[in-house]
PDB file of N, CA and C in Angstrom:
ATOM      1  N   MET A   1      28.937  46.663  18.318  1.00  0.00           N
ATOM      2  CA  MET A   1      29.098  45.518  17.512  1.00  0.00           C
ATOM      3  C   MET A   1      27.840  45.343  16.648  1.00  0.00           C
ATOM      4  N   ARG A   2      28.053  45.031  15.417  1.00  0.00           N
ATOM      5  CA  ARG A   2      26.951  44.795  14.497  1.00  0.00           C
ATOM      6  C   ARG A   2      27.126  43.402  13.855  1.00  0.00           C
ATOM      7  N   VAL A   3      26.093  42.565  13.918  1.00  0.00           N
ATOM      8  CA  VAL A   3      26.204  41.221  13.416  1.00  0.00           C
ATOM      9  C   VAL A   3      25.229  41.051  12.283  1.00  0.00           C
ATOM     10  N   ARG A   4      25.720  40.522  11.161  1.00  0.00           N
ATOM     11  CA  ARG A   4      24.858  40.236   9.977  1.00  0.00           C
ATOM     12  C   ARG A   4      24.921  38.759   9.764  1.00  0.00           C
ATOM     13  N   ALA A   5      23.770  38.108   9.808  1.00  0.00           N
ATOM     14  CA  ALA A   5      23.644  36.674   9.518  1.00  0.00           C
ATOM     15  C   ALA A   5      22.837  36.529   8.227  1.00  0.00           C
ATOM     16  N   THR A   6      23.341  35.727   7.317  1.00  0.00           N
ATOM     17  CA  THR A   6      22.701  35.514   6.009  1.00  0.00           C
ATOM     18  C   THR A   6      22.453  34.048   5.836  1.00  0.00           C
ATOM     19  N   LEU A   7      21.200  33.670   5.652  1.00  0.00           N
ATOM     20  CA  LEU A   7      20.845  32.301   5.392  1.00  0.00           C
ATOM     21  C   LEU A   7      21.180  31.998   3.938  1.00  0.00           C
ATOM     22  N   THR A   8      22.056  31.016   3.733  1.00  0.00           N
ATOM     23  CA  THR A   8      22.515  30.718   2.376  1.00  0.00           C
ATOM     24  C   THR A   8      21.929  29.432   1.791  1.00  0.00           C
ATOM     25  N   GLY A   9      21.322  28.608   2.642  1.00  0.00           N
ATOM     26  CA  GLY A   9      20.737  27.393   2.100  1.00  0.00           C
ATOM     27  C   GLY A   9      20.045  26.565   3.179  1.00  0.00           C
ATOM     28  N   VAL A  10      19.016  25.865   2.769  1.00  0.00           N
ATOM     29  CA  VAL A  10      18.258  24.983   3.647  1.00  0.00           C
ATOM     30  C   VAL A  10      18.030  23.661   2.916  1.00  0.00           C
ATOM     31  N   GLU A  11      18.370  22.570   3.585  1.00  0.00           N
ATOM     32  CA  GLU A  11      18.025  21.260   3.072  1.00  0.00           C
ATOM     33  C   GLU A  11      16.929  20.680   3.966  1.00  0.00           C
ATOM     34  N   THR A  12      15.918  20.124   3.339  1.00  0.00           N
ATOM     35  CA  THR A  12      14.827  19.543   4.133  1.00  0.00           C
ATOM     36  C   THR A  12      15.089  18.077   4.378  1.00  0.00           C
ATOM     37  N   SER A  13      14.485  17.591   5.429  1.00  0.00           N
ATOM     38  CA  SER A  13      14.568  16.183   5.808  1.00  0.00           C
ATOM     39  C   SER A  13      13.538  15.413   4.981  1.00  0.00           C
ATOM     40  N   THR A  14      13.789  14.155   4.719  1.00  0.00           N
ATOM     41  CA  THR A  14      12.844  13.317   4.044  1.00  0.00           C
ATOM     42  C   THR A  14      11.922  12.692   5.097  1.00  0.00           C
ATOM     43  N   PRO A  15      10.607  13.156   5.065  1.00  0.00           N
ATOM     44  CA  PRO A  15       9.703  12.655   6.102  1.00  0.00           C
ATOM     45  C   PRO A  15       9.640  11.148   6.192  1.00  0.00           C
ATOM     46  N   VAL A  16       9.427  10.634   7.331  1.00  0.00           N
ATOM     47  CA  VAL A  16       9.300   9.251   7.676  1.00  0.00           C
ATOM     48  C   VAL A  16      10.633   8.525   7.525  1.00  0.00           C
ATOM     49  N   ILE A  17      11.311   8.611   6.398  1.00  0.00           N
ATOM     50  CA  ILE A  17      12.571   7.914   6.189  1.00  0.00           C
ATOM     51  C   ILE A  17      13.638   8.402   7.166  1.00  0.00           C
ATOM     52  N   SER A  18      13.703   9.730   7.339  1.00  0.00           N
ATOM     53  CA  SER A  18      14.713  10.264   8.257  1.00  0.00           C
ATOM     54  C   SER A  18      14.507   9.773   9.726  1.00  0.00           C
ATOM     55  N   THR A  19      13.237   9.616  10.095  1.00  0.00           N
ATOM     56  CA  THR A  19      12.935   9.111  11.447  1.00  0.00           C
ATOM     57  C   THR A  19      13.247   7.592  11.504  1.00  0.00           C
ATOM     58  N   LEU A  20      12.903   6.870  10.478  1.00  0.00           N
ATOM     59  CA  LEU A  20      13.170   5.420  10.502  1.00  0.00           C
ATOM     60  C   LEU A  20      14.688   5.138  10.568  1.00  0.00           C
ATOM     61  N   THR A  21      15.496   5.982   9.902  1.00  0.00           N
ATOM     62  CA  THR A  21      16.907   5.706   9.972  1.00  0.00           C
ATOM     63  C   THR A  21      17.507   5.934  11.335  1.00  0.00           C
ATOM     64  N   LYS A  22      16.771   6.545  12.202  1.00  0.00           N
ATOM     65  CA  LYS A  22      17.211   6.750  13.592  1.00  0.00           C
ATOM     66  C   LYS A  22      16.663   5.697  14.544  1.00  0.00           C
ATOM     67  N   ILE A  23      15.757   4.861  14.078  1.00  0.00           N
ATOM     68  CA  ILE A  23      15.079   3.880  14.895  1.00  0.00           C
ATOM     69  C   ILE A  23      15.447   2.463  14.488  1.00  0.00           C
ATOM     70  N   VAL A  24      15.416   2.160  13.175  1.00  0.00           N
ATOM     71  CA  VAL A  24      15.722   0.843  12.672  1.00  0.00           C
ATOM     72  C   VAL A  24      17.204   0.535  12.911  1.00  0.00           C
ATOM     73  N   PRO A  25      17.537  -0.627  13.395  1.00  0.00           N
ATOM     74  CA  PRO A  25      18.926  -0.962  13.767  1.00  0.00           C
ATOM     75  C   PRO A  25      19.984  -0.603  12.721  1.00  0.00           C
ATOM     76  N   ILE A  26      19.805  -0.970  11.469  1.00  0.00           N
ATOM     77  CA  ILE A  26      20.853  -0.689  10.507  1.00  0.00           C
ATOM     78  C   ILE A  26      20.991   0.831  10.270  1.00  0.00           C
ATOM     79  N   GLY A  27      19.899   1.530  10.264  1.00  0.00           N
ATOM     80  CA  GLY A  27      19.941   2.995  10.110  1.00  0.00           C
ATOM     81  C   GLY A  27      20.604   3.647  11.294  1.00  0.00           C
ATOM     82  N   LEU A  28      20.307   3.104  12.492  1.00  0.00           N
ATOM     83  CA  LEU A  28      20.956   3.616  13.733  1.00  0.00           C
ATOM     84  C   LEU A  28      22.471   3.461  13.675  1.00  0.00           C
ATOM     85  N   VAL A  29      22.906   2.284  13.146  1.00  0.00           N
ATOM     86  CA  VAL A  29      24.376   2.073  13.058  1.00  0.00           C
ATOM     87  C   VAL A  29      24.979   3.061  12.060  1.00  0.00           C
ATOM     88  N   VAL A  30      24.355   3.217  10.895  1.00  0.00           N
ATOM     89  CA  VAL A  30      24.861   4.138   9.877  1.00  0.00           C
ATOM     90  C   VAL A  30      24.931   5.551  10.428  1.00  0.00           C
ATOM     91  N   ASN A  31      23.831   5.990  11.075  1.00  0.00           N
ATOM     92  CA  ASN A  31      23.826   7.351  11.595  1.00  0.00           C
ATOM     93  C   ASN A  31      24.782   7.519  12.757  1.00  0.00           C
ATOM     94  N   SER A  32      25.013   6.499  13.540  1.00  0.00           N
ATOM     95  CA  SER A  32      25.999   6.591  14.640  1.00  0.00           C
ATOM     96  C   SER A  32      27.385   6.774  14.060  1.00  0.00           C
ATOM     97  N   VAL A  33      27.694   6.075  12.994  1.00  0.00           N
ATOM     98  CA  VAL A  33      29.005   6.204  12.319  1.00  0.00           C
ATOM     99  C   VAL A  33      29.084   7.612  11.754  1.00  0.00           C
ATOM    100  N   GLN A  34      28.046   8.132  11.176  1.00  0.00           N
ATOM    101  CA  GLN A  34      28.052   9.541  10.676  1.00  0.00           C
ATOM    102  C   GLN A  34      28.317  10.497  11.806  1.00  0.00           C
ATOM    103  N   SER A  35      27.714  10.258  12.931  1.00  0.00           N
ATOM    104  CA  SER A  35      27.901  11.146  14.078  1.00  0.00           C
ATOM    105  C   SER A  35      29.335  11.146  14.539  1.00  0.00           C
ATOM    106  N   VAL A  36      29.942   9.977  14.615  1.00  0.00           N
ATOM    107  CA  VAL A  36      31.335   9.856  15.013  1.00  0.00           C
ATOM    108  C   VAL A  36      32.249  10.584  14.042  1.00  0.00           C
ATOM    109  N   ARG A  37      31.886  10.530  12.722  1.00  0.00           N
ATOM    110  CA  ARG A  37      32.674  11.223  11.691  1.00  0.00           C
ATOM    111  C   ARG A  37      32.341  12.702  11.595  1.00  0.00           C
ATOM    112  N   ASP A  38      31.430  13.169  12.464  1.00  0.00           N
ATOM    113  CA  ASP A  38      30.965  14.587  12.473  1.00  0.00           C
ATOM    114  C   ASP A  38      30.351  14.935  11.099  1.00  0.00           C
ATOM    115  N   LYS A  39      29.529  14.033  10.624  1.00  0.00           N
ATOM    116  CA  LYS A  39      28.829  14.208   9.320  1.00  0.00           C
ATOM    117  C   LYS A  39      27.332  14.267   9.532  1.00  0.00           C
ATOM    118  N   GLN A  40      26.621  14.699   8.550  1.00  0.00           N
ATOM    119  CA  GLN A  40      25.189  14.811   8.546  1.00  0.00           C
ATOM    120  C   GLN A  40      24.542  13.396   8.445  1.00  0.00           C
ATOM    121  N   ALA A  41      23.457  13.202   9.217  1.00  0.00           N
ATOM    122  CA  ALA A  41      22.745  11.920   9.175  1.00  0.00           C
ATOM    123  C   ALA A  41      22.018  11.736   7.856  1.00  0.00           C
ATOM    124  N   ALA A  42      21.795  10.481   7.500  1.00  0.00           N
ATOM    125  CA  ALA A  42      21.115  10.158   6.256  1.00  0.00           C
ATOM    126  C   ALA A  42      19.692  10.732   6.231  1.00  0.00           C
ATOM    127  N   PHE A  43      19.303  11.290   5.098  1.00  0.00           N
ATOM    128  CA  PHE A  43      17.948  11.805   4.879  1.00  0.00           C
ATOM    129  C   PHE A  43      17.546  12.957   5.832  1.00  0.00           C
ATOM    130  N   THR A  44      18.498  13.557   6.503  1.00  0.00           N
ATOM    131  CA  THR A  44      18.258  14.611   7.482  1.00  0.00           C
ATOM    132  C   THR A  44      18.652  15.955   6.885  1.00  0.00           C
ATOM    133  N   GLY A  45      17.890  16.985   7.137  1.00  0.00           N
ATOM    134  CA  GLY A  45      18.124  18.300   6.585  1.00  0.00           C
ATOM    135  C   GLY A  45      19.221  19.073   7.362  1.00  0.00           C
ATOM    136  N   SER A  46      19.469  20.229   6.853  1.00  0.00           N
ATOM    137  CA  SER A  46      20.491  21.122   7.446  1.00  0.00           C
ATOM    138  C   SER A  46      20.222  22.572   7.039  1.00  0.00           C
ATOM    139  N   VAL A  47      21.021  23.452   7.630  1.00  0.00           N
ATOM    140  CA  VAL A  47      20.916  24.890   7.282  1.00  0.00           C
ATOM    141  C   VAL A  47      22.335  25.411   7.089  1.00  0.00           C
ATOM    142  N   SER A  48      22.546  26.232   6.093  1.00  0.00           N
ATOM    143  CA  SER A  48      23.837  26.860   5.827  1.00  0.00           C
ATOM    144  C   SER A  48      23.665  28.374   5.974  1.00  0.00           C
ATOM    145  N   TYR A  49      24.690  29.049   6.504  1.00  0.00           N
ATOM    146  CA  TYR A  49      24.585  30.483   6.737  1.00  0.00           C
ATOM    147  C   TYR A  49      25.964  31.122   6.777  1.00  0.00           C
ATOM    148  N   ALA A  50      25.968  32.398   6.601  1.00  0.00           N
ATOM    149  CA  ALA A  50      27.190  33.219   6.712  1.00  0.00           C
ATOM    150  C   ALA A  50      26.988  34.250   7.817  1.00  0.00           C
ATOM    151  N   VAL A  51      28.051  34.504   8.590  1.00  0.00           N
ATOM    152  CA  VAL A  51      27.970  35.488   9.677  1.00  0.00           C
ATOM    153  C   VAL A  51      29.094  36.476   9.478  1.00  0.00           C
ATOM    154  N   GLU A  52      28.773  37.753   9.626  1.00  0.00           N
ATOM    155  CA  GLU A  52      29.756  38.832   9.588  1.00  0.00           C
ATOM    156  C   GLU A  52      29.572  39.655  10.859  1.00  0.00           C
ATOM    157  N   VAL A  53      30.707  39.905  11.539  1.00  0.00           N
ATOM    158  CA  VAL A  53      30.663  40.718  12.762  1.00  0.00           C
ATOM    159  C   VAL A  53      31.499  41.979  12.511  1.00  0.00           C
ATOM    160  N   TYR A  54      30.888  43.113  12.681  1.00  0.00           N
ATOM    161  CA  TYR A  54      31.525  44.401  12.428  1.00  0.00           C
ATOM    162  C   TYR A  54      31.625  45.241  13.708  1.00  0.00           C
ATOM    163  N   ASP A  55      32.644  46.081  13.750  1.00  0.00           N
ATOM    164  CA  ASP A  55      32.737  47.105  14.792  1.00  0.00           C
ATOM    165  C   ASP A  55      31.696  48.141  14.449  1.00  0.00           C
ATOM    166  N   SER A  56      30.825  48.459  15.387  1.00  0.00           N
ATOM    167  CA  SER A  56      29.703  49.399  15.039  1.00  0.00           C
ATOM    168  C   SER A  56      30.148  50.818  14.877  1.00  0.00           C
ATOM    169  N   THR A  57      31.284  51.215  15.455  1.00  0.00           N
ATOM    170  CA  THR A  57      31.713  52.602  15.273  1.00  0.00           C
ATOM    171  C   THR A  57      32.576  52.837  14.029  1.00  0.00           C
ATOM    172  N   SER A  58      33.488  51.912  13.745  1.00  0.00           N
ATOM    173  CA  SER A  58      34.340  52.089  12.598  1.00  0.00           C
ATOM    174  C   SER A  58      33.852  51.356  11.344  1.00  0.00           C
ATOM    175  N   GLY A  59      32.974  50.398  11.519  1.00  0.00           N
ATOM    176  CA  GLY A  59      32.532  49.605  10.396  1.00  0.00           C
ATOM    177  C   GLY A  59      33.499  48.543   9.973  1.00  0.00           C
ATOM    178  N   LYS A  60      34.568  48.337  10.738  1.00  0.00           N
ATOM    179  CA  LYS A  60      35.644  47.358  10.398  1.00  0.00           C
ATOM    180  C   LYS A  60      35.096  45.934  10.609  1.00  0.00           C
ATOM    181  N   LEU A  61      35.362  45.084   9.649  1.00  0.00           N
ATOM    182  CA  LEU A  61      34.997  43.703   9.744  1.00  0.00           C
ATOM    183  C   LEU A  61      35.902  43.020  10.769  1.00  0.00           C
ATOM    184  N   LEU A  62      35.293  42.467  11.832  1.00  0.00           N
ATOM    185  CA  LEU A  62      36.073  41.782  12.882  1.00  0.00           C
ATOM    186  C   LEU A  62      36.191  40.286  12.674  1.00  0.00           C
ATOM    187  N   ARG A  63      35.096  39.699  12.180  1.00  0.00           N
ATOM    188  CA  ARG A  63      35.099  38.242  12.038  1.00  0.00           C
ATOM    189  C   ARG A  63      34.042  37.874  10.976  1.00  0.00           C
ATOM    190  N   ALA A  64      34.300  36.865  10.179  1.00  0.00           N
ATOM    191  CA  ALA A  64      33.390  36.397   9.192  1.00  0.00           C
ATOM    192  C   ALA A  64      33.586  34.872   9.020  1.00  0.00           C
ATOM    193  N   TYR A  65      32.501  34.184   8.856  1.00  0.00           N
ATOM    194  CA  TYR A  65      32.600  32.749   8.610  1.00  0.00           C
ATOM    195  C   TYR A  65      31.319  32.223   7.971  1.00  0.00           C
ATOM    196  N   VAL A  66      31.449  31.068   7.347  1.00  0.00           N
ATOM    197  CA  VAL A  66      30.364  30.325   6.735  1.00  0.00           C
ATOM    198  C   VAL A  66      30.223  29.035   7.465  1.00  0.00           C
ATOM    199  N   ALA A  67      29.031  28.593   7.797  1.00  0.00           N
ATOM    200  CA  ALA A  67      28.807  27.349   8.488  1.00  0.00           C
ATOM    201  C   ALA A  67      27.624  26.587   7.969  1.00  0.00           C
ATOM    202  N   LYS A  68      27.670  25.277   8.193  1.00  0.00           N
ATOM    203  CA  LYS A  68      26.557  24.395   7.895  1.00  0.00           C
ATOM    204  C   LYS A  68      26.249  23.657   9.190  1.00  0.00           C
ATOM    205  N   GLN A  69      24.988  23.720   9.616  1.00  0.00           N
ATOM    206  CA  GLN A  69      24.586  23.097  10.880  1.00  0.00           C
ATOM    207  C   GLN A  69      23.508  22.042  10.592  1.00  0.00           C
ATOM    208  N   TYR A  70      23.585  20.970  11.321  1.00  0.00           N
ATOM    209  CA  TYR A  70      22.592  19.902  11.295  1.00  0.00           C
ATOM    210  C   TYR A  70      22.564  19.274  12.644  1.00  0.00           C
ATOM    211  N   PRO A  71      21.433  18.627  13.006  1.00  0.00           N
ATOM    212  CA  PRO A  71      21.335  17.994  14.307  1.00  0.00           C
ATOM    213  C   PRO A  71      22.200  16.778  14.430  1.00  0.00           C
ATOM    214  N   PHE A  72      22.491  16.349  15.637  1.00  0.00           N
ATOM    215  CA  PHE A  72      23.242  15.089  15.796  1.00  0.00           C
ATOM    216  C   PHE A  72      22.493  13.978  15.154  1.00  0.00           C
ATOM    217  N   ALA A  73      23.210  13.002  14.653  1.00  0.00           N
ATOM    218  CA  ALA A  73      22.580  11.912  13.904  1.00  0.00           C
ATOM    219  C   ALA A  73      21.546  11.122  14.725  1.00  0.00           C
ATOM    220  N   GLU A  74      21.692  11.096  16.039  1.00  0.00           N
ATOM    221  CA  GLU A  74      20.766  10.386  16.898  1.00  0.00           C
ATOM    222  C   GLU A  74      19.560  11.203  17.331  1.00  0.00           C
ATOM    223  N   ASN A  75      19.450  12.434  16.942  1.00  0.00           N
ATOM    224  CA  ASN A  75      18.394  13.349  17.385  1.00  0.00           C
ATOM    225  C   ASN A  75      17.093  13.038  16.632  1.00  0.00           C
ATOM    226  N   VAL A  76      16.250  12.141  17.262  1.00  0.00           N
ATOM    227  CA  VAL A  76      15.032  11.685  16.640  1.00  0.00           C
ATOM    228  C   VAL A  76      14.050  12.835  16.521  1.00  0.00           C
ATOM    229  N   SER A  77      13.930  13.689  17.521  1.00  0.00           N
ATOM    230  CA  SER A  77      12.940  14.768  17.496  1.00  0.00           C
ATOM    231  C   SER A  77      13.167  15.747  16.358  1.00  0.00           C
ATOM    232  N   ALA A  78      14.381  15.857  15.813  1.00  0.00           N
ATOM    233  CA  ALA A  78      14.674  16.761  14.728  1.00  0.00           C
ATOM    234  C   ALA A  78      14.412  16.107  13.369  1.00  0.00           C
ATOM    235  N   SER A  79      13.784  14.914  13.354  1.00  0.00           N
ATOM    236  CA  SER A  79      13.572  14.231  12.099  1.00  0.00           C
ATOM    237  C   SER A  79      12.092  14.086  11.706  1.00  0.00           C
ATOM    238  N   PHE A  80      11.171  14.597  12.518  1.00  0.00           N
ATOM    239  CA  PHE A  80       9.779  14.415  12.224  1.00  0.00           C
ATOM    240  C   PHE A  80       9.270  15.296  11.064  1.00  0.00           C
ATOM    241  N   GLY A  81       9.483  16.586  11.096  1.00  0.00           N
ATOM    242  CA  GLY A  81       9.009  17.482  10.035  1.00  0.00           C
ATOM    243  C   GLY A  81      10.097  17.718   9.039  1.00  0.00           C
ATOM    244  N   THR A  82       9.724  18.227   7.879  1.00  0.00           N
ATOM    245  CA  THR A  82      10.727  18.475   6.826  1.00  0.00           C
ATOM    246  C   THR A  82      11.726  19.552   7.222  1.00  0.00           C
ATOM    247  N   LEU A  83      11.369  20.515   8.077  1.00  0.00           N
ATOM    248  CA  LEU A  83      12.237  21.582   8.448  1.00  0.00           C
ATOM    249  C   LEU A  83      12.748  21.540   9.896  1.00  0.00           C
ATOM    250  N   ASP A  84      12.375  20.453  10.636  1.00  0.00           N
ATOM    251  CA  ASP A  84      12.836  20.356  12.022  1.00  0.00           C
ATOM    252  C   ASP A  84      14.323  20.304  12.167  1.00  0.00           C
ATOM    253  N   ALA A  85      15.016  19.628  11.273  1.00  0.00           N
ATOM    254  CA  ALA A  85      16.482  19.535  11.329  1.00  0.00           C
ATOM    255  C   ALA A  85      17.106  20.937  11.092  1.00  0.00           C
ATOM    256  N   SER A  86      16.518  21.686  10.133  1.00  0.00           N
ATOM    257  CA  SER A  86      17.018  23.040   9.842  1.00  0.00           C
ATOM    258  C   SER A  86      16.839  23.898  11.071  1.00  0.00           C
ATOM    259  N   ARG A  87      15.684  23.813  11.692  1.00  0.00           N
ATOM    260  CA  ARG A  87      15.421  24.652  12.907  1.00  0.00           C
ATOM    261  C   ARG A  87      16.445  24.296  13.986  1.00  0.00           C
ATOM    262  N   SER A  88      16.696  23.019  14.150  1.00  0.00           N
ATOM    263  CA  SER A  88      17.669  22.579  15.142  1.00  0.00           C
ATOM    264  C   SER A  88      19.077  23.152  14.822  1.00  0.00           C
ATOM    265  N   GLY A  89      19.382  23.116  13.533  1.00  0.00           N
ATOM    266  CA  GLY A  89      20.668  23.707  13.102  1.00  0.00           C
ATOM    267  C   GLY A  89      20.779  25.171  13.396  1.00  0.00           C
ATOM    268  N   ILE A  90      19.714  25.906  13.137  1.00  0.00           N
ATOM    269  CA  ILE A  90      19.718  27.341  13.464  1.00  0.00           C
ATOM    270  C   ILE A  90      19.900  27.595  14.922  1.00  0.00           C
ATOM    271  N   ARG A  91      19.249  26.810  15.796  1.00  0.00           N
ATOM    272  CA  ARG A  91      19.429  26.950  17.235  1.00  0.00           C
ATOM    273  C   ARG A  91      20.881  26.664  17.602  1.00  0.00           C
ATOM    274  N   SER A  92      21.471  25.621  17.060  1.00  0.00           N
ATOM    275  CA  SER A  92      22.862  25.267  17.348  1.00  0.00           C
ATOM    276  C   SER A  92      23.820  26.360  16.891  1.00  0.00           C
ATOM    277  N   GLY A  93      23.595  26.884  15.708  1.00  0.00           N
ATOM    278  CA  GLY A  93      24.411  27.954  15.212  1.00  0.00           C
ATOM    279  C   GLY A  93      24.312  29.205  16.014  1.00  0.00           C
ATOM    280  N   ALA A  94      23.125  29.523  16.506  1.00  0.00           N
ATOM    281  CA  ALA A  94      22.983  30.740  17.347  1.00  0.00           C
ATOM    282  C   ALA A  94      23.717  30.521  18.670  1.00  0.00           C
ATOM    283  N   ASP A  95      23.634  29.375  19.240  1.00  0.00           N
ATOM    284  CA  ASP A  95      24.347  29.053  20.472  1.00  0.00           C
ATOM    285  C   ASP A  95      25.854  29.189  20.289  1.00  0.00           C
ATOM    286  N   GLU A  96      26.366  28.665  19.166  1.00  0.00           N
ATOM    287  CA  GLU A  96      27.815  28.748  18.865  1.00  0.00           C
ATOM    288  C   GLU A  96      28.228  30.192  18.666  1.00  0.00           C
ATOM    289  N   LEU A  97      27.403  30.983  18.050  1.00  0.00           N
ATOM    290  CA  LEU A  97      27.719  32.403  17.798  1.00  0.00           C
ATOM    291  C   LEU A  97      27.875  33.142  19.135  1.00  0.00           C
ATOM    292  N   VAL A  98      26.944  32.860  20.049  1.00  0.00           N
ATOM    293  CA  VAL A  98      27.002  33.527  21.376  1.00  0.00           C
ATOM    294  C   VAL A  98      28.294  33.200  22.075  1.00  0.00           C
ATOM    295  N   VAL A  99      28.671  31.906  22.019  1.00  0.00           N
ATOM    296  CA  VAL A  99      29.953  31.444  22.646  1.00  0.00           C
ATOM    297  C   VAL A  99      31.118  32.206  22.041  1.00  0.00           C
ATOM    298  N   GLN A 100      31.150  32.284  20.675  1.00  0.00           N
ATOM    299  CA  GLN A 100      32.260  32.946  20.031  1.00  0.00           C
ATOM    300  C   GLN A 100      32.349  34.466  20.319  1.00  0.00           C
ATOM    301  N   LEU A 101      31.194  35.072  20.582  1.00  0.00           N
ATOM    302  CA  LEU A 101      31.192  36.515  20.854  1.00  0.00           C
ATOM    303  C   LEU A 101      31.543  36.856  22.277  1.00  0.00           C
ATOM    304  N   GLN A 102      31.591  35.868  23.164  1.00  0.00           N
ATOM    305  CA  GLN A 102      31.934  36.134  24.583  1.00  0.00           C
ATOM    306  C   GLN A 102      33.407  36.339  24.743  1.00  0.00           C
TER     307      GLN A 102
END
């Protein structure tokens, strides 16, 4: 099996504001609604990528998909740095890929 992952985009978080929206009551409500809707939190970054899985002997494409990952809206620790949300998204995407390959 050969796996090719291509980073297609990175959105950075807005420092301070992204953290405040997870702590201040009105921001917490807005981000909780976003979480229920399975949407990205306000002012929080994300990562987009494409994955291709090939049979290593024949070179046949077995699976391909494009995804956008971002941390849960209530994840305060992923809102401190400009790229913390993107890093969290990469970790989530890698975990999902492992599950899909099993």
